[in-house]
ModelCIF file with pLDDT and N, C-alpha, C, O atoms, coordinates in Angstrom:
data_MODEL
#
_entry.id   MODEL 
#
_entity.id                         1 
_entity.type                       polymer 
_entity.pdbx_number_of_molecules   1 
#
_entity_poly.entity_id                      1 
_entity_poly.type                           'polypeptide(L)' 
_entity_poly.nstd_linkage                   no 
_entity_poly.nstd_monomer                   no 
_entity_poly.pdbx_seq_one_letter_code       
;(UNK)(UNK)(UNK)(UNK)(UNK)(UNK)(UNK)(UNK)(UNK)(UNK)(UNK)(UNK)(UNK)(UNK)(UNK)(UNK)
(UNK)(UNK)(UNK)(UNK)(UNK)(UNK)(UNK)(UNK)(UNK)(UNK)(UNK)(UNK)(UNK)(UNK)(UNK)(UNK)
(UNK)(UNK)(UNK)(UNK)(UNK)(UNK)(UNK)(UNK)(UNK)(UNK)(UNK)(UNK)(UNK)(UNK)(UNK)
;
_entity_poly.pdbx_seq_one_letter_code_can   XXXXXXXXXXXXXXXXXXXXXXXXXXXXXXXXXXXXXXXXXXXXXXX 
_entity_poly.pdbx_strand_id                 A 
#
loop_
_entity_poly_seq.entity_id 
_entity_poly_seq.num 
_entity_poly_seq.mon_id 
_entity_poly_seq.hetero 
1 1  UNK n 
1 2  UNK n 
1 3  UNK n 
1 4  UNK n 
1 5  UNK n 
1 6  UNK n 
1 7  UNK n 
1 8  UNK n 
1 9  UNK n 
1 10 UNK n 
1 11 UNK n 
1 12 UNK n 
1 13 UNK n 
1 14 UNK n 
1 15 UNK n 
1 16 UNK n 
1 17 UNK n 
1 18 UNK n 
1 19 UNK n 
1 20 UNK n 
1 21 UNK n 
1 22 UNK n 
1 23 UNK n 
1 24 UNK n 
1 25 UNK n 
1 26 UNK n 
1 27 UNK n 
1 28 UNK n 
1 29 UNK n 
1 30 UNK n 
1 31 UNK n 
1 32 UNK n 
1 33 UNK n 
1 34 UNK n 
1 35 UNK n 
1 36 UNK n 
1 37 UNK n 
1 38 UNK n 
1 39 UNK n 
1 40 UNK n 
1 41 UNK n 
1 42 UNK n 
1 43 UNK n 
1 44 UNK n 
1 45 UNK n 
1 46 UNK n 
1 47 UNK n 
#
_struct_asym.id          A 
_struct_asym.entity_id   1 
#
loop_
_ma_qa_metric.id 
_ma_qa_metric.mode 
_ma_qa_metric.name 
_ma_qa_metric.software_group_id 
_ma_qa_metric.type 
1 global pLDDT . pLDDT 
2 local  pLDDT . pLDDT 
#
_ma_qa_metric_global.metric_id      1 
_ma_qa_metric_global.metric_value   97.85 
_ma_qa_metric_global.model_id       1 
_ma_qa_metric_global.ordinal_id     1 
#
loop_
_ma_qa_metric_local.label_asym_id 
_ma_qa_metric_local.label_comp_id 
_ma_qa_metric_local.label_seq_id 
_ma_qa_metric_local.metric_id 
_ma_qa_metric_local.metric_value 
_ma_qa_metric_local.model_id 
_ma_qa_metric_local.ordinal_id 
A UNK 1  2 96.00 1 1  
A UNK 2  2 97.00 1 2  
A UNK 3  2 97.00 1 3  
A UNK 4  2 98.00 1 4  
A UNK 5  2 97.00 1 5  
A UNK 6  2 97.00 1 6  
A UNK 7  2 97.00 1 7  
A UNK 8  2 97.00 1 8  
A UNK 9  2 98.00 1 9  
A UNK 10 2 98.00 1 10 
A UNK 11 2 98.00 1 11 
A UNK 12 2 98.00 1 12 
A UNK 13 2 98.00 1 13 
A UNK 14 2 98.00 1 14 
A UNK 15 2 98.00 1 15 
A UNK 16 2 98.00 1 16 
A UNK 17 2 98.00 1 17 
A UNK 18 2 98.00 1 18 
A UNK 19 2 98.00 1 19 
A UNK 20 2 98.00 1 20 
A UNK 21 2 98.00 1 21 
A UNK 22 2 98.00 1 22 
A UNK 23 2 98.00 1 23 
A UNK 24 2 99.00 1 24 
A UNK 25 2 98.00 1 25 
A UNK 26 2 98.00 1 26 
A UNK 27 2 98.00 1 27 
A UNK 28 2 98.00 1 28 
A UNK 29 2 98.00 1 29 
A UNK 30 2 98.00 1 30 
A UNK 31 2 98.00 1 31 
A UNK 32 2 98.00 1 32 
A UNK 33 2 98.00 1 33 
A UNK 34 2 98.00 1 34 
A UNK 35 2 98.00 1 35 
A UNK 36 2 98.00 1 36 
A UNK 37 2 98.00 1 37 
A UNK 38 2 98.00 1 38 
A UNK 39 2 98.00 1 39 
A UNK 40 2 98.00 1 40 
A UNK 41 2 98.00 1 41 
A UNK 42 2 98.00 1 42 
A UNK 43 2 98.00 1 43 
A UNK 44 2 98.00 1 44 
A UNK 45 2 98.00 1 45 
A UNK 46 2 98.00 1 46 
A UNK 47 2 98.00 1 47 
#
loop_
_atom_site.group_PDB 
_atom_site.id 
_atom_site.type_symbol 
_atom_site.label_atom_id 
_atom_site.label_alt_id 
_atom_site.label_comp_id 
_atom_site.label_asym_id 
_atom_site.label_entity_id 
_atom_site.label_seq_id 
_atom_site.pdbx_PDB_ins_code 
_atom_site.Cartn_x 
_atom_site.Cartn_y 
_atom_site.Cartn_z 
_atom_site.occupancy 
_atom_site.B_iso_or_equiv 
_atom_site.pdbx_formal_charge 
_atom_site.auth_seq_id 
_atom_site.auth_comp_id 
_atom_site.auth_asym_id 
_atom_site.auth_atom_id 
_atom_site.pdbx_PDB_model_num 
ATOM 1   N N  . UNK A 1 1  ? 187.540 22.301 85.540 1.00 96.00 ? 1  UNK A N  1 
ATOM 2   C CA . UNK A 1 1  ? 187.394 23.248 86.646 1.00 96.00 ? 1  UNK A CA 1 
ATOM 3   C C  . UNK A 1 1  ? 186.017 23.168 87.269 1.00 96.00 ? 1  UNK A C  1 
ATOM 4   O O  . UNK A 1 1  ? 185.468 24.174 87.719 1.00 96.00 ? 1  UNK A O  1 
ATOM 5   N N  . UNK A 1 2  ? 185.459 21.964 87.294 1.00 97.00 ? 2  UNK A N  1 
ATOM 6   C CA . UNK A 1 2  ? 184.119 21.755 87.843 1.00 97.00 ? 2  UNK A CA 1 
ATOM 7   C C  . UNK A 1 2  ? 183.115 22.711 87.186 1.00 97.00 ? 2  UNK A C  1 
ATOM 8   O O  . UNK A 1 2  ? 182.357 23.401 87.867 1.00 97.00 ? 2  UNK A O  1 
ATOM 9   N N  . UNK A 1 3  ? 183.127 22.734 85.863 1.00 97.00 ? 3  UNK A N  1 
ATOM 10  C CA . UNK A 1 3  ? 182.181 23.569 85.111 1.00 97.00 ? 3  UNK A CA 1 
ATOM 11  C C  . UNK A 1 3  ? 180.828 22.875 85.074 1.00 97.00 ? 3  UNK A C  1 
ATOM 12  O O  . UNK A 1 3  ? 180.718 21.733 84.628 1.00 97.00 ? 3  UNK A O  1 
ATOM 13  N N  . UNK A 1 4  ? 179.809 23.567 85.542 1.00 98.00 ? 4  UNK A N  1 
ATOM 14  C CA . UNK A 1 4  ? 178.468 22.995 85.666 1.00 98.00 ? 4  UNK A CA 1 
ATOM 15  C C  . UNK A 1 4  ? 177.556 23.637 84.623 1.00 98.00 ? 4  UNK A C  1 
ATOM 16  O O  . UNK A 1 4  ? 177.571 24.855 84.443 1.00 98.00 ? 4  UNK A O  1 
ATOM 17  N N  . UNK A 1 5  ? 176.763 22.813 83.937 1.00 97.00 ? 5  UNK A N  1 
ATOM 18  C CA . UNK A 1 5  ? 175.848 23.362 82.937 1.00 97.00 ? 5  UNK A CA 1 
ATOM 19  C C  . UNK A 1 5  ? 174.438 22.821 83.161 1.00 97.00 ? 5  UNK A C  1 
ATOM 20  O O  . UNK A 1 5  ? 174.275 21.807 83.840 1.00 97.00 ? 5  UNK A O  1 
ATOM 21  N N  . UNK A 1 6  ? 173.418 23.473 82.608 1.00 97.00 ? 6  UNK A N  1 
ATOM 22  C CA . UNK A 1 6  ? 172.021 23.104 82.900 1.00 97.00 ? 6  UNK A CA 1 
ATOM 23  C C  . UNK A 1 6  ? 171.619 21.736 82.354 1.00 97.00 ? 6  UNK A C  1 
ATOM 24  O O  . UNK A 1 6  ? 172.134 21.278 81.334 1.00 97.00 ? 6  UNK A O  1 
ATOM 25  N N  . UNK A 1 7  ? 170.694 21.104 83.052 1.00 97.00 ? 7  UNK A N  1 
ATOM 26  C CA . UNK A 1 7  ? 170.156 19.818 82.601 1.00 97.00 ? 7  UNK A CA 1 
ATOM 27  C C  . UNK A 1 7  ? 169.455 19.966 81.253 1.00 97.00 ? 7  UNK A C  1 
ATOM 28  O O  . UNK A 1 7  ? 169.397 19.011 80.478 1.00 97.00 ? 7  UNK A O  1 
ATOM 29  N N  . UNK A 1 8  ? 168.925 21.150 80.969 1.00 97.00 ? 8  UNK A N  1 
ATOM 30  C CA . UNK A 1 8  ? 168.235 21.382 79.699 1.00 97.00 ? 8  UNK A CA 1 
ATOM 31  C C  . UNK A 1 8  ? 169.163 21.128 78.523 1.00 97.00 ? 8  UNK A C  1 
ATOM 32  O O  . UNK A 1 8  ? 168.725 20.619 77.491 1.00 97.00 ? 8  UNK A O  1 
ATOM 33  N N  . UNK A 1 9  ? 170.426 21.472 78.660 1.00 98.00 ? 9  UNK A N  1 
ATOM 34  C CA . UNK A 1 9  ? 171.389 21.247 77.573 1.00 98.00 ? 9  UNK A CA 1 
ATOM 35  C C  . UNK A 1 9  ? 171.468 19.754 77.254 1.00 98.00 ? 9  UNK A C  1 
ATOM 36  O O  . UNK A 1 9  ? 171.475 19.358 76.088 1.00 98.00 ? 9  UNK A O  1 
ATOM 37  N N  . UNK A 1 10 ? 171.526 18.946 78.286 1.00 98.00 ? 10 UNK A N  1 
ATOM 38  C CA . UNK A 1 10 ? 171.613 17.501 78.109 1.00 98.00 ? 10 UNK A CA 1 
ATOM 39  C C  . UNK A 1 10 ? 170.332 16.949 77.477 1.00 98.00 ? 10 UNK A C  1 
ATOM 40  O O  . UNK A 1 10 ? 170.381 16.052 76.636 1.00 98.00 ? 10 UNK A O  1 
ATOM 41  N N  . UNK A 1 11 ? 169.203 17.489 77.887 1.00 98.00 ? 11 UNK A N  1 
ATOM 42  C CA . UNK A 1 11 ? 167.919 17.063 77.316 1.00 98.00 ? 11 UNK A CA 1 
ATOM 43  C C  . UNK A 1 11 ? 167.855 17.395 75.824 1.00 98.00 ? 11 UNK A C  1 
ATOM 44  O O  . UNK A 1 11 ? 167.414 16.575 75.018 1.00 98.00 ? 11 UNK A O  1 
ATOM 45  N N  . UNK A 1 12 ? 168.295 18.595 75.463 1.00 98.00 ? 12 UNK A N  1 
ATOM 46  C CA . UNK A 1 12 ? 168.327 18.999 74.059 1.00 98.00 ? 12 UNK A CA 1 
ATOM 47  C C  . UNK A 1 12 ? 169.287 18.117 73.250 1.00 98.00 ? 12 UNK A C  1 
ATOM 48  O O  . UNK A 1 12 ? 169.020 17.787 72.095 1.00 98.00 ? 12 UNK A O  1 
ATOM 49  N N  . UNK A 1 13 ? 170.393 17.748 73.869 1.00 98.00 ? 13 UNK A N  1 
ATOM 50  C CA . UNK A 1 13 ? 171.384 16.941 73.185 1.00 98.00 ? 13 UNK A CA 1 
ATOM 51  C C  . UNK A 1 13 ? 170.851 15.545 72.880 1.00 98.00 ? 13 UNK A C  1 
ATOM 52  O O  . UNK A 1 13 ? 171.113 14.989 71.813 1.00 98.00 ? 13 UNK A O  1 
ATOM 53  N N  . UNK A 1 14 ? 170.104 14.987 73.822 1.00 98.00 ? 14 UNK A N  1 
ATOM 54  C CA . UNK A 1 14 ? 169.506 13.675 73.588 1.00 98.00 ? 14 UNK A CA 1 
ATOM 55  C C  . UNK A 1 14 ? 168.579 13.727 72.363 1.00 98.00 ? 14 UNK A C  1 
ATOM 56  O O  . UNK A 1 14 ? 168.603 12.831 71.520 1.00 98.00 ? 14 UNK A O  1 
ATOM 57  N N  . UNK A 1 15 ? 167.777 14.768 72.279 1.00 98.00 ? 15 UNK A N  1 
ATOM 58  C CA . UNK A 1 15 ? 166.842 14.919 71.162 1.00 98.00 ? 15 UNK A CA 1 
ATOM 59  C C  . UNK A 1 15 ? 167.591 15.127 69.849 1.00 98.00 ? 15 UNK A C  1 
ATOM 60  O O  . UNK A 1 15 ? 167.191 14.599 68.811 1.00 98.00 ? 15 UNK A O  1 
ATOM 61  N N  . UNK A 1 16 ? 168.677 15.895 69.897 1.00 98.00 ? 16 UNK A N  1 
ATOM 62  C CA . UNK A 1 16 ? 169.460 16.158 68.692 1.00 98.00 ? 16 UNK A CA 1 
ATOM 63  C C  . UNK A 1 16 ? 170.122 14.878 68.189 1.00 98.00 ? 16 UNK A C  1 
ATOM 64  O O  . UNK A 1 16 ? 170.115 14.609 66.988 1.00 98.00 ? 16 UNK A O  1 
ATOM 65  N N  . UNK A 1 17 ? 170.685 14.098 69.087 1.00 98.00 ? 17 UNK A N  1 
ATOM 66  C CA . UNK A 1 17 ? 171.298 12.824 68.700 1.00 98.00 ? 17 UNK A CA 1 
ATOM 67  C C  . UNK A 1 17 ? 170.264 11.891 68.063 1.00 98.00 ? 17 UNK A C  1 
ATOM 68  O O  . UNK A 1 17 ? 170.540 11.244 67.053 1.00 98.00 ? 17 UNK A O  1 
ATOM 69  N N  . UNK A 1 18 ? 169.084 11.832 68.660 1.00 98.00 ? 18 UNK A N  1 
ATOM 70  C CA . UNK A 1 18 ? 168.018 10.995 68.099 1.00 98.00 ? 18 UNK A CA 1 
ATOM 71  C C  . UNK A 1 18 ? 167.667 11.425 66.680 1.00 98.00 ? 18 UNK A C  1 
ATOM 72  O O  . UNK A 1 18 ? 167.456 10.590 65.801 1.00 98.00 ? 18 UNK A O  1 
ATOM 73  N N  . UNK A 1 19 ? 167.606 12.729 66.467 1.00 98.00 ? 19 UNK A N  1 
ATOM 74  C CA . UNK A 1 19 ? 167.216 13.251 65.154 1.00 98.00 ? 19 UNK A CA 1 
ATOM 75  C C  . UNK A 1 19 ? 168.211 12.901 64.063 1.00 98.00 ? 19 UNK A C  1 
ATOM 76  O O  . UNK A 1 19 ? 167.831 12.753 62.902 1.00 98.00 ? 19 UNK A O  1 
ATOM 77  N N  . UNK A 1 20 ? 169.481 12.767 64.423 1.00 98.00 ? 20 UNK A N  1 
ATOM 78  C CA . UNK A 1 20 ? 170.516 12.482 63.434 1.00 98.00 ? 20 UNK A CA 1 
ATOM 79  C C  . UNK A 1 20 ? 170.985 11.026 63.448 1.00 98.00 ? 20 UNK A C  1 
ATOM 80  O O  . UNK A 1 20 ? 171.852 10.652 62.659 1.00 98.00 ? 20 UNK A O  1 
ATOM 81  N N  . UNK A 1 21 ? 170.427 10.209 64.329 1.00 98.00 ? 21 UNK A N  1 
ATOM 82  C CA . UNK A 1 21 ? 170.864 8.820  64.409 1.00 98.00 ? 21 UNK A CA 1 
ATOM 83  C C  . UNK A 1 21 ? 172.244 8.651  65.006 1.00 98.00 ? 21 UNK A C  1 
ATOM 84  O O  . UNK A 1 21 ? 172.941 7.678  64.719 1.00 98.00 ? 21 UNK A O  1 
ATOM 85  N N  . UNK A 1 22 ? 172.641 9.616  65.849 1.00 98.00 ? 22 UNK A N  1 
ATOM 86  C CA . UNK A 1 22 ? 173.952 9.595  66.499 1.00 98.00 ? 22 UNK A CA 1 
ATOM 87  C C  . UNK A 1 22 ? 173.796 9.033  67.905 1.00 98.00 ? 22 UNK A C  1 
ATOM 88  O O  . UNK A 1 22 ? 172.880 9.429  68.626 1.00 98.00 ? 22 UNK A O  1 
ATOM 89  N N  . UNK A 1 23 ? 174.668 8.120  68.305 1.00 98.00 ? 23 UNK A N  1 
ATOM 90  C CA . UNK A 1 23 ? 174.600 7.557  69.644 1.00 98.00 ? 23 UNK A CA 1 
ATOM 91  C C  . UNK A 1 23 ? 175.131 8.563  70.674 1.00 98.00 ? 23 UNK A C  1 
ATOM 92  O O  . UNK A 1 23 ? 176.052 9.329  70.392 1.00 98.00 ? 23 UNK A O  1 
ATOM 93  N N  . UNK A 1 24 ? 174.541 8.545  71.858 1.00 99.00 ? 24 UNK A N  1 
ATOM 94  C CA . UNK A 1 24 ? 174.954 9.443  72.934 1.00 99.00 ? 24 UNK A CA 1 
ATOM 95  C C  . UNK A 1 24 ? 175.639 8.634  74.029 1.00 99.00 ? 24 UNK A C  1 
ATOM 96  O O  . UNK A 1 24 ? 175.044 7.727  74.611 1.00 99.00 ? 24 UNK A O  1 
ATOM 97  N N  . UNK A 1 25 ? 176.890 8.970  74.300 1.00 98.00 ? 25 UNK A N  1 
ATOM 98  C CA . UNK A 1 25 ? 177.662 8.324  75.358 1.00 98.00 ? 25 UNK A CA 1 
ATOM 99  C C  . UNK A 1 25 ? 177.732 9.267  76.553 1.00 98.00 ? 25 UNK A C  1 
ATOM 100 O O  . UNK A 1 25 ? 178.214 10.394 76.433 1.00 98.00 ? 25 UNK A O  1 
ATOM 101 N N  . UNK A 1 26 ? 177.255 8.810  77.698 1.00 98.00 ? 26 UNK A N  1 
ATOM 102 C CA . UNK A 1 26 ? 177.337 9.593  78.928 1.00 98.00 ? 26 UNK A CA 1 
ATOM 103 C C  . UNK A 1 26 ? 178.501 9.071  79.764 1.00 98.00 ? 26 UNK A C  1 
ATOM 104 O O  . UNK A 1 26 ? 178.472 7.940  80.250 1.00 98.00 ? 26 UNK A O  1 
ATOM 105 N N  . UNK A 1 27 ? 179.505 9.893  79.921 1.00 98.00 ? 27 UNK A N  1 
ATOM 106 C CA . UNK A 1 27 ? 180.653 9.543  80.748 1.00 98.00 ? 27 UNK A CA 1 
ATOM 107 C C  . UNK A 1 27 ? 180.336 9.933  82.191 1.00 98.00 ? 27 UNK A C  1 
ATOM 108 O O  . UNK A 1 27 ? 180.565 11.068 82.607 1.00 98.00 ? 27 UNK A O  1 
ATOM 109 N N  . UNK A 1 28 ? 179.808 8.976  82.941 1.00 98.00 ? 28 UNK A N  1 
ATOM 110 C CA . UNK A 1 28 ? 179.430 9.217  84.335 1.00 98.00 ? 28 UNK A CA 1 
ATOM 111 C C  . UNK A 1 28 ? 180.491 8.695  85.304 1.00 98.00 ? 28 UNK A C  1 
ATOM 112 O O  . UNK A 1 28 ? 180.195 8.391  86.460 1.00 98.00 ? 28 UNK A O  1 
ATOM 113 N N  . UNK A 1 29 ? 181.715 8.599  84.824 1.00 98.00 ? 29 UNK A N  1 
ATOM 114 C CA . UNK A 1 29 ? 182.795 8.090  85.663 1.00 98.00 ? 29 UNK A CA 1 
ATOM 115 C C  . UNK A 1 29 ? 182.983 8.961  86.897 1.00 98.00 ? 29 UNK A C  1 
ATOM 116 O O  . UNK A 1 29 ? 183.145 8.449  88.005 1.00 98.00 ? 29 UNK A O  1 
ATOM 117 N N  . UNK A 1 30 ? 182.963 10.282 86.706 1.00 98.00 ? 30 UNK A N  1 
ATOM 118 C CA . UNK A 1 30 ? 183.139 11.201 87.831 1.00 98.00 ? 30 UNK A CA 1 
ATOM 119 C C  . UNK A 1 30 ? 181.820 11.633 88.449 1.00 98.00 ? 30 UNK A C  1 
ATOM 120 O O  . UNK A 1 30 ? 181.788 12.026 89.615 1.00 98.00 ? 30 UNK A O  1 
ATOM 121 N N  . UNK A 1 31 ? 180.736 11.568 87.692 1.00 98.00 ? 31 UNK A N  1 
ATOM 122 C CA . UNK A 1 31 ? 179.453 12.098 88.180 1.00 98.00 ? 31 UNK A CA 1 
ATOM 123 C C  . UNK A 1 31 ? 178.549 11.040 88.793 1.00 98.00 ? 31 UNK A C  1 
ATOM 124 O O  . UNK A 1 31 ? 177.566 11.374 89.454 1.00 98.00 ? 31 UNK A O  1 
ATOM 125 N N  . UNK A 1 32 ? 178.866 9.779  88.585 1.00 98.00 ? 32 UNK A N  1 
ATOM 126 C CA . UNK A 1 32 ? 177.987 8.718  89.046 1.00 98.00 ? 32 UNK A CA 1 
ATOM 127 C C  . UNK A 1 32 ? 178.028 8.463  90.534 1.00 98.00 ? 32 UNK A C  1 
ATOM 128 O O  . UNK A 1 32 ? 178.931 8.924  91.233 1.00 98.00 ? 32 UNK A O  1 
ATOM 129 N N  . UNK A 1 33 ? 177.044 7.726  91.012 1.00 98.00 ? 33 UNK A N  1 
ATOM 130 C CA . UNK A 1 33 ? 176.929 7.272  92.392 1.00 98.00 ? 33 UNK A CA 1 
ATOM 131 C C  . UNK A 1 33 ? 176.815 8.420  93.397 1.00 98.00 ? 33 UNK A C  1 
ATOM 132 O O  . UNK A 1 33 ? 177.440 8.414  94.457 1.00 98.00 ? 33 UNK A O  1 
ATOM 133 N N  . UNK A 1 34 ? 175.994 9.403  93.023 1.00 98.00 ? 34 UNK A N  1 
ATOM 134 C CA . UNK A 1 34 ? 175.591 10.432 93.970 1.00 98.00 ? 34 UNK A CA 1 
ATOM 135 C C  . UNK A 1 34 ? 176.407 11.695 93.991 1.00 98.00 ? 34 UNK A C  1 
ATOM 136 O O  . UNK A 1 34 ? 176.096 12.605 94.758 1.00 98.00 ? 34 UNK A O  1 
ATOM 137 N N  . UNK A 1 35 ? 177.438 11.791 93.181 1.00 98.00 ? 35 UNK A N  1 
ATOM 138 C CA . UNK A 1 35 ? 178.289 12.981 93.230 1.00 98.00 ? 35 UNK A CA 1 
ATOM 139 C C  . UNK A 1 35 ? 177.536 14.271 92.899 1.00 98.00 ? 35 UNK A C  1 
ATOM 140 O O  . UNK A 1 35 ? 177.854 15.328 93.445 1.00 98.00 ? 35 UNK A O  1 
ATOM 141 N N  . UNK A 1 36 ? 176.543 14.195 92.012 1.00 98.00 ? 36 UNK A N  1 
ATOM 142 C CA . UNK A 1 36 ? 175.816 15.404 91.613 1.00 98.00 ? 36 UNK A CA 1 
ATOM 143 C C  . UNK A 1 36 ? 174.493 15.568 92.366 1.00 98.00 ? 36 UNK A C  1 
ATOM 144 O O  . UNK A 1 36 ? 173.696 16.448 92.038 1.00 98.00 ? 36 UNK A O  1 
ATOM 145 N N  . UNK A 1 37 ? 174.261 14.729 93.365 1.00 98.00 ? 37 UNK A N  1 
ATOM 146 C CA . UNK A 1 37 ? 173.031 14.827 94.150 1.00 98.00 ? 37 UNK A CA 1 
ATOM 147 C C  . UNK A 1 37 ? 172.015 13.763 93.825 1.00 98.00 ? 37 UNK A C  1 
ATOM 148 O O  . UNK A 1 37 ? 171.156 13.456 94.652 1.00 98.00 ? 37 UNK A O  1 
ATOM 149 N N  . UNK A 1 38 ? 172.093 13.190 92.632 1.00 98.00 ? 38 UNK A N  1 
ATOM 150 C CA . UNK A 1 38 ? 171.278 12.031 92.246 1.00 98.00 ? 38 UNK A CA 1 
ATOM 151 C C  . UNK A 1 38 ? 172.237 10.884 91.951 1.00 98.00 ? 38 UNK A C  1 
ATOM 152 O O  . UNK A 1 38 ? 173.431 11.106 91.751 1.00 98.00 ? 38 UNK A O  1 
ATOM 153 N N  . UNK A 1 39 ? 171.719 9.664  91.923 1.00 98.00 ? 39 UNK A N  1 
ATOM 154 C CA . UNK A 1 39 ? 172.620 8.530  91.735 1.00 98.00 ? 39 UNK A CA 1 
ATOM 155 C C  . UNK A 1 39 ? 173.433 8.685  90.457 1.00 98.00 ? 39 UNK A C  1 
ATOM 156 O O  . UNK A 1 39 ? 174.633 8.413  90.436 1.00 98.00 ? 39 UNK A O  1 
ATOM 157 N N  . UNK A 1 40 ? 172.760 9.129  89.380 1.00 98.00 ? 40 UNK A N  1 
ATOM 158 C CA . UNK A 1 40 ? 173.452 9.428  88.134 1.00 98.00 ? 40 UNK A CA 1 
ATOM 159 C C  . UNK A 1 40 ? 173.007 10.805 87.652 1.00 98.00 ? 40 UNK A C  1 
ATOM 160 O O  . UNK A 1 40 ? 171.846 11.180 87.815 1.00 98.00 ? 40 UNK A O  1 
ATOM 161 N N  . UNK A 1 41 ? 173.929 11.551 87.061 1.00 98.00 ? 41 UNK A N  1 
ATOM 162 C CA . UNK A 1 41 ? 173.620 12.909 86.617 1.00 98.00 ? 41 UNK A CA 1 
ATOM 163 C C  . UNK A 1 41 ? 172.536 12.922 85.549 1.00 98.00 ? 41 UNK A C  1 
ATOM 164 O O  . UNK A 1 41 ? 171.738 13.858 85.489 1.00 98.00 ? 41 UNK A O  1 
ATOM 165 N N  . UNK A 1 42 ? 172.497 11.893 84.703 1.00 98.00 ? 42 UNK A N  1 
ATOM 166 C CA . UNK A 1 42 ? 171.502 11.832 83.630 1.00 98.00 ? 42 UNK A CA 1 
ATOM 167 C C  . UNK A 1 42 ? 170.073 11.903 84.165 1.00 98.00 ? 42 UNK A C  1 
ATOM 168 O O  . UNK A 1 42 ? 169.173 12.372 83.468 1.00 98.00 ? 42 UNK A O  1 
ATOM 169 N N  . UNK A 1 43 ? 169.863 11.444 85.388 1.00 98.00 ? 43 UNK A N  1 
ATOM 170 C CA . UNK A 1 43 ? 168.526 11.477 85.988 1.00 98.00 ? 43 UNK A CA 1 
ATOM 171 C C  . UNK A 1 43 ? 167.967 12.901 86.023 1.00 98.00 ? 43 UNK A C  1 
ATOM 172 O O  . UNK A 1 43 ? 166.766 13.098 85.837 1.00 98.00 ? 43 UNK A O  1 
ATOM 173 N N  . UNK A 1 44 ? 168.821 13.885 86.258 1.00 98.00 ? 44 UNK A N  1 
ATOM 174 C CA . UNK A 1 44 ? 168.363 15.262 86.406 1.00 98.00 ? 44 UNK A CA 1 
ATOM 175 C C  . UNK A 1 44 ? 167.863 15.845 85.091 1.00 98.00 ? 44 UNK A C  1 
ATOM 176 O O  . UNK A 1 44 ? 167.132 16.835 85.082 1.00 98.00 ? 44 UNK A O  1 
ATOM 177 N N  . UNK A 1 45 ? 168.261 15.226 83.980 1.00 98.00 ? 45 UNK A N  1 
ATOM 178 C CA . UNK A 1 45 ? 167.749 15.653 82.671 1.00 98.00 ? 45 UNK A CA 1 
ATOM 179 C C  . UNK A 1 45 ? 166.648 14.729 82.180 1.00 98.00 ? 45 UNK A C  1 
ATOM 180 O O  . UNK A 1 45 ? 166.024 14.993 81.152 1.00 98.00 ? 45 UNK A O  1 
ATOM 181 N N  . UNK A 1 46 ? 166.406 13.648 82.911 1.00 98.00 ? 46 UNK A N  1 
ATOM 182 C CA . UNK A 1 46 ? 165.367 12.703 82.503 1.00 98.00 ? 46 UNK A CA 1 
ATOM 183 C C  . UNK A 1 46 ? 165.671 11.994 81.205 1.00 98.00 ? 46 UNK A C  1 
ATOM 184 O O  . UNK A 1 46 ? 164.761 11.689 80.435 1.00 98.00 ? 46 UNK A O  1 
ATOM 185 N N  . UNK A 1 47 ? 166.950 11.725 80.948 1.00 98.00 ? 47 UNK A N  1 
ATOM 186 C CA . UNK A 1 47 ? 167.322 11.090 79.674 1.00 98.00 ? 47 UNK A CA 1 
ATOM 187 C C  . UNK A 1 47 ? 168.032 9.763  79.919 1.00 98.00 ? 47 UNK A C  1 
ATOM 188 O O  . UNK A 1 47 ? 168.419 9.085  78.968 1.00 98.00 ? 47 UNK A O  1 
#
């Protein structure tokens, strides 16, 4: 339902994955190529 959440959540998640040695997969199929205002949504979290 086009649920939008803060970039801070994504930033925290990157750090949490690093701490546990878990890989982070970003599914940018729907968000990529400018849909969220930047070329990729991950840019807005700096991760």
